[in-house]
mmCIF file of all heavy atoms, coordinates in Angstrom:
data_MODEL
# 
_entry.id   MODEL 
# 
loop_
_atom_site.group_PDB 
_atom_site.id 
_atom_site.type_symbol 
_atom_site.label_atom_id 
_atom_site.label_alt_id 
_atom_site.label_comp_id 
_atom_site.label_asym_id 
_atom_site.label_entity_id 
_atom_site.label_seq_id 
_atom_site.pdbx_PDB_ins_code 
_atom_site.Cartn_x 
_atom_site.Cartn_y 
_atom_site.Cartn_z 
_atom_site.occupancy 
_atom_site.B_iso_or_equiv 
_atom_site.pdbx_formal_charge 
_atom_site.auth_seq_id 
_atom_site.auth_comp_id 
_atom_site.auth_asym_id 
_atom_site.auth_atom_id 
_atom_site.pdbx_PDB_model_num 
ATOM 1   N N   . LEU A 1 1  ? -2.698 6.768   12.905 1.00 0.00 ? 1  LEU A N   1 
ATOM 2   C CA  . LEU A 1 1  ? -1.308 6.336   12.808 1.00 0.00 ? 1  LEU A CA  1 
ATOM 3   C C   . LEU A 1 1  ? -1.159 4.903   13.263 1.00 0.00 ? 1  LEU A C   1 
ATOM 4   O O   . LEU A 1 1  ? -1.992 4.383   14.006 1.00 0.00 ? 1  LEU A O   1 
ATOM 5   C CB  . LEU A 1 1  ? -0.399 7.255   13.627 1.00 0.00 ? 1  LEU A CB  1 
ATOM 6   C CG  . LEU A 1 1  ? -0.636 7.293   15.134 1.00 0.00 ? 1  LEU A CG  1 
ATOM 7   C CD1 . LEU A 1 1  ? 0.506  6.611   15.855 1.00 0.00 ? 1  LEU A CD1 1 
ATOM 8   C CD2 . LEU A 1 1  ? -0.750 8.728   15.592 1.00 0.00 ? 1  LEU A CD2 1 
ATOM 9   N N   . VAL A 1 2  ? -0.099 4.260   12.782 1.00 0.00 ? 2  VAL A N   1 
ATOM 10  C CA  . VAL A 1 2  ? 0.263  2.909   13.199 1.00 0.00 ? 2  VAL A CA  1 
ATOM 11  C C   . VAL A 1 2  ? 1.440  3.047   14.154 1.00 0.00 ? 2  VAL A C   1 
ATOM 12  O O   . VAL A 1 2  ? 2.407  3.755   13.861 1.00 0.00 ? 2  VAL A O   1 
ATOM 13  C CB  . VAL A 1 2  ? 0.638  2.027   11.993 1.00 0.00 ? 2  VAL A CB  1 
ATOM 14  C CG1 . VAL A 1 2  ? 1.107  0.649   12.462 1.00 0.00 ? 2  VAL A CG1 1 
ATOM 15  C CG2 . VAL A 1 2  ? -0.543 1.894   11.034 1.00 0.00 ? 2  VAL A CG2 1 
ATOM 16  N N   . ASP A 1 3  ? 1.353  2.353   15.284 1.00 0.00 ? 3  ASP A N   1 
ATOM 17  C CA  . ASP A 1 3  ? 2.403  2.422   16.296 1.00 0.00 ? 3  ASP A CA  1 
ATOM 18  C C   . ASP A 1 3  ? 2.988  1.031   16.518 1.00 0.00 ? 3  ASP A C   1 
ATOM 19  O O   . ASP A 1 3  ? 2.326  0.009   16.290 1.00 0.00 ? 3  ASP A O   1 
ATOM 20  C CB  . ASP A 1 3  ? 1.818  2.963   17.600 1.00 0.00 ? 3  ASP A CB  1 
ATOM 21  C CG  . ASP A 1 3  ? 2.874  3.414   18.587 1.00 0.00 ? 3  ASP A CG  1 
ATOM 22  O OD1 . ASP A 1 3  ? 4.006  3.729   18.169 1.00 0.00 ? 3  ASP A OD1 1 
ATOM 23  O OD2 . ASP A 1 3  ? 2.559  3.460   19.788 1.00 0.00 ? 3  ASP A OD2 1 
ATOM 24  N N   . ASP A 1 4  ? 4.220  1.002   16.989 1.00 0.00 ? 4  ASP A N   1 
ATOM 25  C CA  . ASP A 1 4  ? 4.939  -0.197  17.423 1.00 0.00 ? 4  ASP A CA  1 
ATOM 26  C C   . ASP A 1 4  ? 5.292  -1.163  16.293 1.00 0.00 ? 4  ASP A C   1 
ATOM 27  O O   . ASP A 1 4  ? 5.427  -2.374  16.516 1.00 0.00 ? 4  ASP A O   1 
ATOM 28  C CB  . ASP A 1 4  ? 4.185  -0.922  18.541 1.00 0.00 ? 4  ASP A CB  1 
ATOM 29  C CG  . ASP A 1 4  ? 4.181  -0.125  19.834 1.00 0.00 ? 4  ASP A CG  1 
ATOM 30  O OD1 . ASP A 1 4  ? 5.093  0.706   20.017 1.00 0.00 ? 4  ASP A OD1 1 
ATOM 31  O OD2 . ASP A 1 4  ? 3.277  -0.320  20.648 1.00 0.00 ? 4  ASP A OD2 1 
ATOM 32  N N   . GLU A 1 5  ? 5.510  -0.630  15.086 1.00 0.00 ? 5  GLU A N   1 
ATOM 33  C CA  . GLU A 1 5  ? 5.965  -1.488  13.991 1.00 0.00 ? 5  GLU A CA  1 
ATOM 34  C C   . GLU A 1 5  ? 7.346  -2.059  14.302 1.00 0.00 ? 5  GLU A C   1 
ATOM 35  O O   . GLU A 1 5  ? 7.632  -3.211  13.942 1.00 0.00 ? 5  GLU A O   1 
ATOM 36  C CB  . GLU A 1 5  ? 5.995  -0.701  12.681 1.00 0.00 ? 5  GLU A CB  1 
ATOM 37  C CG  . GLU A 1 5  ? 4.595  -0.363  12.195 1.00 0.00 ? 5  GLU A CG  1 
ATOM 38  C CD  . GLU A 1 5  ? 4.596  0.571   10.997 1.00 0.00 ? 5  GLU A CD  1 
ATOM 39  O OE1 . GLU A 1 5  ? 5.030  1.729   11.144 1.00 0.00 ? 5  GLU A OE1 1 
ATOM 40  O OE2 . GLU A 1 5  ? 4.167  0.116   9.911  1.00 0.00 ? 5  GLU A OE2 1 
ATOM 41  N N   . ASP A 1 6  ? 8.183  -1.298  14.995 1.00 0.00 ? 6  ASP A N   1 
ATOM 42  C CA  . ASP A 1 6  ? 9.509  -1.784  15.377 1.00 0.00 ? 6  ASP A CA  1 
ATOM 43  C C   . ASP A 1 6  ? 9.403  -2.942  16.369 1.00 0.00 ? 6  ASP A C   1 
ATOM 44  O O   . ASP A 1 6  ? 10.122 -3.944  16.266 1.00 0.00 ? 6  ASP A O   1 
ATOM 45  C CB  . ASP A 1 6  ? 10.359 -0.653  15.945 1.00 0.00 ? 6  ASP A CB  1 
ATOM 46  C CG  . ASP A 1 6  ? 9.707  0.073   17.119 1.00 0.00 ? 6  ASP A CG  1 
ATOM 47  O OD1 . ASP A 1 6  ? 8.455  0.019   17.267 1.00 0.00 ? 6  ASP A OD1 1 
ATOM 48  O OD2 . ASP A 1 6  ? 10.438 0.714   17.899 1.00 0.00 ? 6  ASP A OD2 1 
ATOM 49  N N   . GLU A 1 7  ? 8.479  -2.825  17.313 1.00 0.00 ? 7  GLU A N   1 
ATOM 50  C CA  . GLU A 1 7  ? 8.260  -3.902  18.284 1.00 0.00 ? 7  GLU A CA  1 
ATOM 51  C C   . GLU A 1 7  ? 7.742  -5.158  17.594 1.00 0.00 ? 7  GLU A C   1 
ATOM 52  O O   . GLU A 1 7  ? 8.152  -6.277  17.921 1.00 0.00 ? 7  GLU A O   1 
ATOM 53  C CB  . GLU A 1 7  ? 7.272  -3.427  19.357 1.00 0.00 ? 7  GLU A CB  1 
ATOM 54  C CG  . GLU A 1 7  ? 7.097  -4.378  20.499 1.00 0.00 ? 7  GLU A CG  1 
ATOM 55  C CD  . GLU A 1 7  ? 6.136  -3.841  21.560 1.00 0.00 ? 7  GLU A CD  1 
ATOM 56  O OE1 . GLU A 1 7  ? 5.980  -2.621  21.708 1.00 0.00 ? 7  GLU A OE1 1 
ATOM 57  O OE2 . GLU A 1 7  ? 5.524  -4.686  22.247 1.00 0.00 ? 7  GLU A OE2 1 
ATOM 58  N N   . PHE A 1 8  ? 6.844  -4.989  16.627 1.00 0.00 ? 8  PHE A N   1 
ATOM 59  C CA  . PHE A 1 8  ? 6.310  -6.118  15.864 1.00 0.00 ? 8  PHE A CA  1 
ATOM 60  C C   . PHE A 1 8  ? 7.454  -6.850  15.144 1.00 0.00 ? 8  PHE A C   1 
ATOM 61  O O   . PHE A 1 8  ? 7.537  -8.080  15.195 1.00 0.00 ? 8  PHE A O   1 
ATOM 62  C CB  . PHE A 1 8  ? 5.259  -5.618  14.870 1.00 0.00 ? 8  PHE A CB  1 
ATOM 63  C CG  . PHE A 1 8  ? 4.614  -6.676  14.025 1.00 0.00 ? 8  PHE A CG  1 
ATOM 64  C CD1 . PHE A 1 8  ? 3.954  -7.753  14.591 1.00 0.00 ? 8  PHE A CD1 1 
ATOM 65  C CD2 . PHE A 1 8  ? 4.642  -6.574  12.640 1.00 0.00 ? 8  PHE A CD2 1 
ATOM 66  C CE1 . PHE A 1 8  ? 3.331  -8.713  13.802 1.00 0.00 ? 8  PHE A CE1 1 
ATOM 67  C CE2 . PHE A 1 8  ? 4.032  -7.525  11.841 1.00 0.00 ? 8  PHE A CE2 1 
ATOM 68  C CZ  . PHE A 1 8  ? 3.384  -8.601  12.425 1.00 0.00 ? 8  PHE A CZ  1 
ATOM 69  N N   . ALA A 1 9  ? 8.341  -6.111  14.501 1.00 0.00 ? 9  ALA A N   1 
ATOM 70  C CA  . ALA A 1 9  ? 9.486  -6.721  13.807 1.00 0.00 ? 9  ALA A CA  1 
ATOM 71  C C   . ALA A 1 9  ? 10.407 -7.438  14.795 1.00 0.00 ? 9  ALA A C   1 
ATOM 72  O O   . ALA A 1 9  ? 10.856 -8.567  14.549 1.00 0.00 ? 9  ALA A O   1 
ATOM 73  C CB  . ALA A 1 9  ? 10.247 -5.652  13.028 1.00 0.00 ? 9  ALA A CB  1 
ATOM 74  N N   . GLU A 1 10 ? 10.691 -6.792  15.918 1.00 0.00 ? 10 GLU A N   1 
ATOM 75  C CA  . GLU A 1 10 ? 11.561 -7.385  16.939 1.00 0.00 ? 10 GLU A CA  1 
ATOM 76  C C   . GLU A 1 10 ? 10.965 -8.667  17.506 1.00 0.00 ? 10 GLU A C   1 
ATOM 77  O O   . GLU A 1 10 ? 11.661 -9.678  17.676 1.00 0.00 ? 10 GLU A O   1 
ATOM 78  C CB  . GLU A 1 10 ? 11.775 -6.367  18.057 1.00 0.00 ? 10 GLU A CB  1 
ATOM 79  C CG  . GLU A 1 10 ? 12.616 -6.853  19.208 1.00 0.00 ? 10 GLU A CG  1 
ATOM 80  C CD  . GLU A 1 10 ? 12.670 -5.845  20.343 1.00 0.00 ? 10 GLU A CD  1 
ATOM 81  O OE1 . GLU A 1 10 ? 12.809 -4.630  20.070 1.00 0.00 ? 10 GLU A OE1 1 
ATOM 82  O OE2 . GLU A 1 10 ? 12.573 -6.272  21.516 1.00 0.00 ? 10 GLU A OE2 1 
ATOM 83  N N   . HIS A 1 11 ? 9.660  -8.648  17.800 1.00 0.00 ? 11 HIS A N   1 
ATOM 84  C CA  . HIS A 1 11 ? 9.021  -9.809  18.420 1.00 0.00 ? 11 HIS A CA  1 
ATOM 85  C C   . HIS A 1 11 ? 8.820  -10.968 17.445 1.00 0.00 ? 11 HIS A C   1 
ATOM 86  O O   . HIS A 1 11 ? 8.693  -12.112 17.885 1.00 0.00 ? 11 HIS A O   1 
ATOM 87  C CB  . HIS A 1 11 ? 7.708  -9.397  19.080 1.00 0.00 ? 11 HIS A CB  1 
ATOM 88  C CG  . HIS A 1 11 ? 7.926  -8.617  20.337 1.00 0.00 ? 11 HIS A CG  1 
ATOM 89  N ND1 . HIS A 1 11 ? 6.910  -8.039  21.040 1.00 0.00 ? 11 HIS A ND1 1 
ATOM 90  C CD2 . HIS A 1 11 ? 9.065  -8.314  21.027 1.00 0.00 ? 11 HIS A CD2 1 
ATOM 91  C CE1 . HIS A 1 11 ? 7.401  -7.415  22.104 1.00 0.00 ? 11 HIS A CE1 1 
ATOM 92  N NE2 . HIS A 1 11 ? 8.702  -7.570  22.105 1.00 0.00 ? 11 HIS A NE2 1 
ATOM 93  N N   . GLN A 1 12 ? 8.796  -10.685 16.158 1.00 0.00 ? 12 GLN A N   1 
ATOM 94  C CA  . GLN A 1 12 ? 8.741  -11.784 15.178 1.00 0.00 ? 12 GLN A CA  1 
ATOM 95  C C   . GLN A 1 12 ? 9.941  -12.702 15.364 1.00 0.00 ? 12 GLN A C   1 
ATOM 96  O O   . GLN A 1 12 ? 9.813  -13.925 15.269 1.00 0.00 ? 12 GLN A O   1 
ATOM 97  C CB  . GLN A 1 12 ? 8.730  -11.227 13.756 1.00 0.00 ? 12 GLN A CB  1 
ATOM 98  C CG  . GLN A 1 12 ? 7.440  -10.541 13.388 1.00 0.00 ? 12 GLN A CG  1 
ATOM 99  C CD  . GLN A 1 12 ? 7.511  -9.900  12.017 1.00 0.00 ? 12 GLN A CD  1 
ATOM 100 O OE1 . GLN A 1 12 ? 8.035  -10.489 11.074 1.00 0.00 ? 12 GLN A OE1 1 
ATOM 101 N NE2 . GLN A 1 12 ? 6.994  -8.682  11.899 1.00 0.00 ? 12 GLN A NE2 1 
ATOM 102 N N   . VAL A 1 13 ? 11.080 -12.101 15.656 1.00 0.00 ? 13 VAL A N   1 
ATOM 103 C CA  . VAL A 1 13 ? 12.311 -12.863 15.871 1.00 0.00 ? 13 VAL A CA  1 
ATOM 104 C C   . VAL A 1 13 ? 12.348 -13.416 17.294 1.00 0.00 ? 13 VAL A C   1 
ATOM 105 O O   . VAL A 1 13 ? 12.553 -14.613 17.510 1.00 0.00 ? 13 VAL A O   1 
ATOM 106 C CB  . VAL A 1 13 ? 13.554 -11.977 15.604 1.00 0.00 ? 13 VAL A CB  1 
ATOM 107 C CG1 . VAL A 1 13 ? 14.831 -12.726 15.954 1.00 0.00 ? 13 VAL A CG1 1 
ATOM 108 C CG2 . VAL A 1 13 ? 13.560 -11.501 14.161 1.00 0.00 ? 13 VAL A CG2 1 
ATOM 109 N N   . LYS A 1 14 ? 12.118 -12.537 18.278 1.00 0.00 ? 14 LYS A N   1 
ATOM 110 C CA  . LYS A 1 14 ? 12.220 -12.927 19.689 1.00 0.00 ? 14 LYS A CA  1 
ATOM 111 C C   . LYS A 1 14 ? 11.283 -14.085 20.042 1.00 0.00 ? 14 LYS A C   1 
ATOM 112 O O   . LYS A 1 14 ? 11.679 -15.027 20.735 1.00 0.00 ? 14 LYS A O   1 
ATOM 113 C CB  . LYS A 1 14 ? 11.918 -11.717 20.581 1.00 0.00 ? 14 LYS A CB  1 
ATOM 114 C CG  . LYS A 1 14 ? 11.994 -12.014 22.066 1.00 0.00 ? 14 LYS A CG  1 
ATOM 115 C CD  . LYS A 1 14 ? 11.724 -10.776 22.894 1.00 0.00 ? 14 LYS A CD  1 
ATOM 116 C CE  . LYS A 1 14 ? 11.780 -11.078 24.377 1.00 0.00 ? 14 LYS A CE  1 
ATOM 117 N NZ  . LYS A 1 14 ? 11.542 -9.869  25.179 1.00 0.00 ? 14 LYS A NZ  1 
ATOM 118 N N   . TYR A 1 15 ? 10.022 -14.007 19.590 1.00 0.00 ? 15 TYR A N   1 
ATOM 119 C CA  . TYR A 1 15 ? 9.024  -15.014 19.947 1.00 0.00 ? 15 TYR A CA  1 
ATOM 120 C C   . TYR A 1 15 ? 8.802  -16.052 18.852 1.00 0.00 ? 15 TYR A C   1 
ATOM 121 O O   . TYR A 1 15 ? 8.044  -17.000 19.044 1.00 0.00 ? 15 TYR A O   1 
ATOM 122 C CB  . TYR A 1 15 ? 7.684  -14.349 20.277 1.00 0.00 ? 15 TYR A CB  1 
ATOM 123 C CG  . TYR A 1 15 ? 7.744  -13.433 21.481 1.00 0.00 ? 15 TYR A CG  1 
ATOM 124 C CD1 . TYR A 1 15 ? 7.242  -12.138 21.410 1.00 0.00 ? 15 TYR A CD1 1 
ATOM 125 C CD2 . TYR A 1 15 ? 8.270  -13.852 22.689 1.00 0.00 ? 15 TYR A CD2 1 
ATOM 126 C CE1 . TYR A 1 15 ? 7.274  -11.287 22.506 1.00 0.00 ? 15 TYR A CE1 1 
ATOM 127 C CE2 . TYR A 1 15 ? 8.304  -13.011 23.795 1.00 0.00 ? 15 TYR A CE2 1 
ATOM 128 C CZ  . TYR A 1 15 ? 7.803  -11.730 23.694 1.00 0.00 ? 15 TYR A CZ  1 
ATOM 129 O OH  . TYR A 1 15 ? 7.844  -10.904 24.784 1.00 0.00 ? 15 TYR A OH  1 
ATOM 130 N N   . GLY A 1 16 ? 9.404  -15.846 17.690 1.00 0.00 ? 16 GLY A N   1 
ATOM 131 C CA  . GLY A 1 16 ? 9.233  -16.806 16.604 1.00 0.00 ? 16 GLY A CA  1 
ATOM 132 C C   . GLY A 1 16 ? 7.815  -16.855 16.061 1.00 0.00 ? 16 GLY A C   1 
ATOM 133 O O   . GLY A 1 16 ? 7.256  -17.932 15.863 1.00 0.00 ? 16 GLY A O   1 
ATOM 134 N N   . TYR A 1 17 ? 7.221  -15.676 15.826 1.00 0.00 ? 17 TYR A N   1 
ATOM 135 C CA  . TYR A 1 17 ? 5.872  -15.662 15.261 1.00 0.00 ? 17 TYR A CA  1 
ATOM 136 C C   . TYR A 1 17 ? 5.834  -16.505 13.984 1.00 0.00 ? 17 TYR A C   1 
ATOM 137 O O   . TYR A 1 17 ? 6.660  -16.298 13.091 1.00 0.00 ? 17 TYR A O   1 
ATOM 138 C CB  . TYR A 1 17 ? 5.443  -14.246 14.880 1.00 0.00 ? 17 TYR A CB  1 
ATOM 139 C CG  . TYR A 1 17 ? 5.203  -13.265 15.997 1.00 0.00 ? 17 TYR A CG  1 
ATOM 140 C CD1 . TYR A 1 17 ? 4.960  -11.931 15.685 1.00 0.00 ? 17 TYR A CD1 1 
ATOM 141 C CD2 . TYR A 1 17 ? 5.200  -13.615 17.336 1.00 0.00 ? 17 TYR A CD2 1 
ATOM 142 C CE1 . TYR A 1 17 ? 4.725  -10.984 16.674 1.00 0.00 ? 17 TYR A CE1 1 
ATOM 143 C CE2 . TYR A 1 17 ? 4.972  -12.678 18.329 1.00 0.00 ? 17 TYR A CE2 1 
ATOM 144 C CZ  . TYR A 1 17 ? 4.738  -11.367 17.985 1.00 0.00 ? 17 TYR A CZ  1 
ATOM 145 O OH  . TYR A 1 17 ? 4.516  -10.429 18.964 1.00 0.00 ? 17 TYR A OH  1 
ATOM 146 N N   . PRO A 1 18 ? 4.873  -17.394 13.857 1.00 0.00 ? 18 PRO A N   1 
ATOM 147 C CA  . PRO A 1 18 ? 4.715  -18.143 12.607 1.00 0.00 ? 18 PRO A CA  1 
ATOM 148 C C   . PRO A 1 18 ? 4.317  -17.197 11.458 1.00 0.00 ? 18 PRO A C   1 
ATOM 149 O O   . PRO A 1 18 ? 3.710  -16.143 11.694 1.00 0.00 ? 18 PRO A O   1 
ATOM 150 C CB  . PRO A 1 18 ? 3.574  -19.120 12.917 1.00 0.00 ? 18 PRO A CB  1 
ATOM 151 C CG  . PRO A 1 18 ? 3.516  -19.189 14.405 1.00 0.00 ? 18 PRO A CG  1 
ATOM 152 C CD  . PRO A 1 18 ? 3.966  -17.851 14.908 1.00 0.00 ? 18 PRO A CD  1 
ATOM 153 N N   . ALA A 1 19 ? 4.634  -17.589 10.237 1.00 0.00 ? 19 ALA A N   1 
ATOM 154 C CA  . ALA A 1 19 ? 4.333  -16.772 9.058  1.00 0.00 ? 19 ALA A CA  1 
ATOM 155 C C   . ALA A 1 19 ? 2.851  -16.412 8.990  1.00 0.00 ? 19 ALA A C   1 
ATOM 156 O O   . ALA A 1 19 ? 2.496  -15.285 8.624  1.00 0.00 ? 19 ALA A O   1 
ATOM 157 C CB  . ALA A 1 19 ? 4.774  -17.496 7.790  1.00 0.00 ? 19 ALA A CB  1 
ATOM 158 N N   . GLU A 1 20 ? 1.967  -17.341 9.338  1.00 0.00 ? 20 GLU A N   1 
ATOM 159 C CA  . GLU A 1 20 ? 0.524  -17.069 9.289  1.00 0.00 ? 20 GLU A CA  1 
ATOM 160 C C   . GLU A 1 20 ? 0.124  -15.980 10.288 1.00 0.00 ? 20 GLU A C   1 
ATOM 161 O O   . GLU A 1 20 ? -0.709 -15.131 9.981  1.00 0.00 ? 20 GLU A O   1 
ATOM 162 C CB  . GLU A 1 20 ? -0.283 -18.341 9.575  1.00 0.00 ? 20 GLU A CB  1 
ATOM 163 C CG  . GLU A 1 20 ? -1.774 -18.097 9.566  1.00 0.00 ? 20 GLU A CG  1 
ATOM 164 C CD  . GLU A 1 20 ? -2.591 -19.322 9.940  1.00 0.00 ? 20 GLU A CD  1 
ATOM 165 O OE1 . GLU A 1 20 ? -2.185 -20.447 9.609  1.00 0.00 ? 20 GLU A OE1 1 
ATOM 166 O OE2 . GLU A 1 20 ? -3.646 -19.133 10.578 1.00 0.00 ? 20 GLU A OE2 1 
ATOM 167 N N   . VAL A 1 21 ? 0.719  -15.994 11.477 1.00 0.00 ? 21 VAL A N   1 
ATOM 168 C CA  . VAL A 1 21 ? 0.428  -14.976 12.488 1.00 0.00 ? 21 VAL A CA  1 
ATOM 169 C C   . VAL A 1 21 ? 0.905  -13.606 11.999 1.00 0.00 ? 21 VAL A C   1 
ATOM 170 O O   . VAL A 1 21 ? 0.190  -12.604 12.119 1.00 0.00 ? 21 VAL A O   1 
ATOM 171 C CB  . VAL A 1 21 ? 1.058  -15.342 13.849 1.00 0.00 ? 21 VAL A CB  1 
ATOM 172 C CG1 . VAL A 1 21 ? 1.014  -14.171 14.826 1.00 0.00 ? 21 VAL A CG1 1 
ATOM 173 C CG2 . VAL A 1 21 ? 0.351  -16.559 14.438 1.00 0.00 ? 21 VAL A CG2 1 
ATOM 174 N N   . ILE A 1 22 ? 2.085  -13.559 11.418 1.00 0.00 ? 22 ILE A N   1 
ATOM 175 C CA  . ILE A 1 22 ? 2.608  -12.307 10.882 1.00 0.00 ? 22 ILE A CA  1 
ATOM 176 C C   . ILE A 1 22 ? 1.687  -11.760 9.793  1.00 0.00 ? 22 ILE A C   1 
ATOM 177 O O   . ILE A 1 22 ? 1.330  -10.575 9.801  1.00 0.00 ? 22 ILE A O   1 
ATOM 178 C CB  . ILE A 1 22 ? 4.040  -12.501 10.334 1.00 0.00 ? 22 ILE A CB  1 
ATOM 179 C CG1 . ILE A 1 22 ? 4.994  -12.855 11.481 1.00 0.00 ? 22 ILE A CG1 1 
ATOM 180 C CG2 . ILE A 1 22 ? 4.508  -11.255 9.582  1.00 0.00 ? 22 ILE A CG2 1 
ATOM 181 C CD1 . ILE A 1 22 ? 6.356  -13.364 11.015 1.00 0.00 ? 22 ILE A CD1 1 
ATOM 182 N N   . ALA A 1 23 ? 1.279  -12.626 8.888  1.00 0.00 ? 23 ALA A N   1 
ATOM 183 C CA  . ALA A 1 23 ? 0.410  -12.201 7.782  1.00 0.00 ? 23 ALA A CA  1 
ATOM 184 C C   . ALA A 1 23 ? -0.948 -11.729 8.288  1.00 0.00 ? 23 ALA A C   1 
ATOM 185 O O   . ALA A 1 23 ? -1.465 -10.695 7.832  1.00 0.00 ? 23 ALA A O   1 
ATOM 186 C CB  . ALA A 1 23 ? 0.241  -13.344 6.779  1.00 0.00 ? 23 ALA A CB  1 
ATOM 187 N N   . GLN A 1 24 ? -1.547 -12.455 9.221  1.00 0.00 ? 24 GLN A N   1 
ATOM 188 C CA  . GLN A 1 24 ? -2.857 -12.071 9.772  1.00 0.00 ? 24 GLN A CA  1 
ATOM 189 C C   . GLN A 1 24 ? -2.763 -10.747 10.527 1.00 0.00 ? 24 GLN A C   1 
ATOM 190 O O   . GLN A 1 24 ? -3.636 -9.892  10.407 1.00 0.00 ? 24 GLN A O   1 
ATOM 191 C CB  . GLN A 1 24 ? -3.395 -13.161 10.706 1.00 0.00 ? 24 GLN A CB  1 
ATOM 192 C CG  . GLN A 1 24 ? -3.840 -14.417 10.007 1.00 0.00 ? 24 GLN A CG  1 
ATOM 193 C CD  . GLN A 1 24 ? -5.190 -14.276 9.337  1.00 0.00 ? 24 GLN A CD  1 
ATOM 194 O OE1 . GLN A 1 24 ? -5.802 -13.217 9.288  1.00 0.00 ? 24 GLN A OE1 1 
ATOM 195 N NE2 . GLN A 1 24 ? -5.671 -15.374 8.786  1.00 0.00 ? 24 GLN A NE2 1 
ATOM 196 N N   . ALA A 1 25 ? -1.700 -10.571 11.303 1.00 0.00 ? 25 ALA A N   1 
ATOM 197 C CA  . ALA A 1 25 ? -1.527 -9.336  12.072 1.00 0.00 ? 25 ALA A CA  1 
ATOM 198 C C   . ALA A 1 25 ? -1.366 -8.142  11.129 1.00 0.00 ? 25 ALA A C   1 
ATOM 199 O O   . ALA A 1 25 ? -1.994 -7.100  11.327 1.00 0.00 ? 25 ALA A O   1 
ATOM 200 C CB  . ALA A 1 25 ? -0.329 -9.452  13.007 1.00 0.00 ? 25 ALA A CB  1 
ATOM 201 N N   . GLN A 1 26 ? -0.536 -8.284  10.106 1.00 0.00 ? 26 GLN A N   1 
ATOM 202 C CA  . GLN A 1 26 ? -0.316 -7.177  9.175  1.00 0.00 ? 26 GLN A CA  1 
ATOM 203 C C   . GLN A 1 26 ? -1.581 -6.852  8.395  1.00 0.00 ? 26 GLN A C   1 
ATOM 204 O O   . GLN A 1 26 ? -1.921 -5.682  8.192  1.00 0.00 ? 26 GLN A O   1 
ATOM 205 C CB  . GLN A 1 26 ? 0.832  -7.495  8.211  1.00 0.00 ? 26 GLN A CB  1 
ATOM 206 C CG  . GLN A 1 26 ? 1.239  -6.296  7.383  1.00 0.00 ? 26 GLN A CG  1 
ATOM 207 C CD  . GLN A 1 26 ? 1.767  -5.155  8.227  1.00 0.00 ? 26 GLN A CD  1 
ATOM 208 O OE1 . GLN A 1 26 ? 2.778  -5.296  8.914  1.00 0.00 ? 26 GLN A OE1 1 
ATOM 209 N NE2 . GLN A 1 26 ? 1.108  -3.996  8.191  1.00 0.00 ? 26 GLN A NE2 1 
ATOM 210 N N   . ALA A 1 27 ? -2.312 -7.885  7.964  1.00 0.00 ? 27 ALA A N   1 
ATOM 211 C CA  . ALA A 1 27 ? -3.565 -7.670  7.228  1.00 0.00 ? 27 ALA A CA  1 
ATOM 212 C C   . ALA A 1 27 ? -4.596 -6.969  8.111  1.00 0.00 ? 27 ALA A C   1 
ATOM 213 O O   . ALA A 1 27 ? -5.305 -6.061  7.656  1.00 0.00 ? 27 ALA A O   1 
ATOM 214 C CB  . ALA A 1 27 ? -4.113 -8.998  6.708  1.00 0.00 ? 27 ALA A CB  1 
ATOM 215 N N   . SER A 1 28 ? -4.681 -7.358  9.377  1.00 0.00 ? 28 SER A N   1 
ATOM 216 C CA  . SER A 1 28 ? -5.606 -6.713  10.304 1.00 0.00 ? 28 SER A CA  1 
ATOM 217 C C   . SER A 1 28 ? -5.232 -5.248  10.491 1.00 0.00 ? 28 SER A C   1 
ATOM 218 O O   . SER A 1 28 ? -6.094 -4.363  10.467 1.00 0.00 ? 28 SER A O   1 
ATOM 219 C CB  . SER A 1 28 ? -5.595 -7.441  11.646 1.00 0.00 ? 28 SER A CB  1 
ATOM 220 O OG  . SER A 1 28 ? -6.492 -6.842  12.551 1.00 0.00 ? 28 SER A OG  1 
# 
């Protein structure tokens, strides 16, 4: 199972994850 998808979405906004970081994290 995949956990903490909600936290990942929230932190993209809160911490301002760059698009490349988001893409690399999701691909991993």
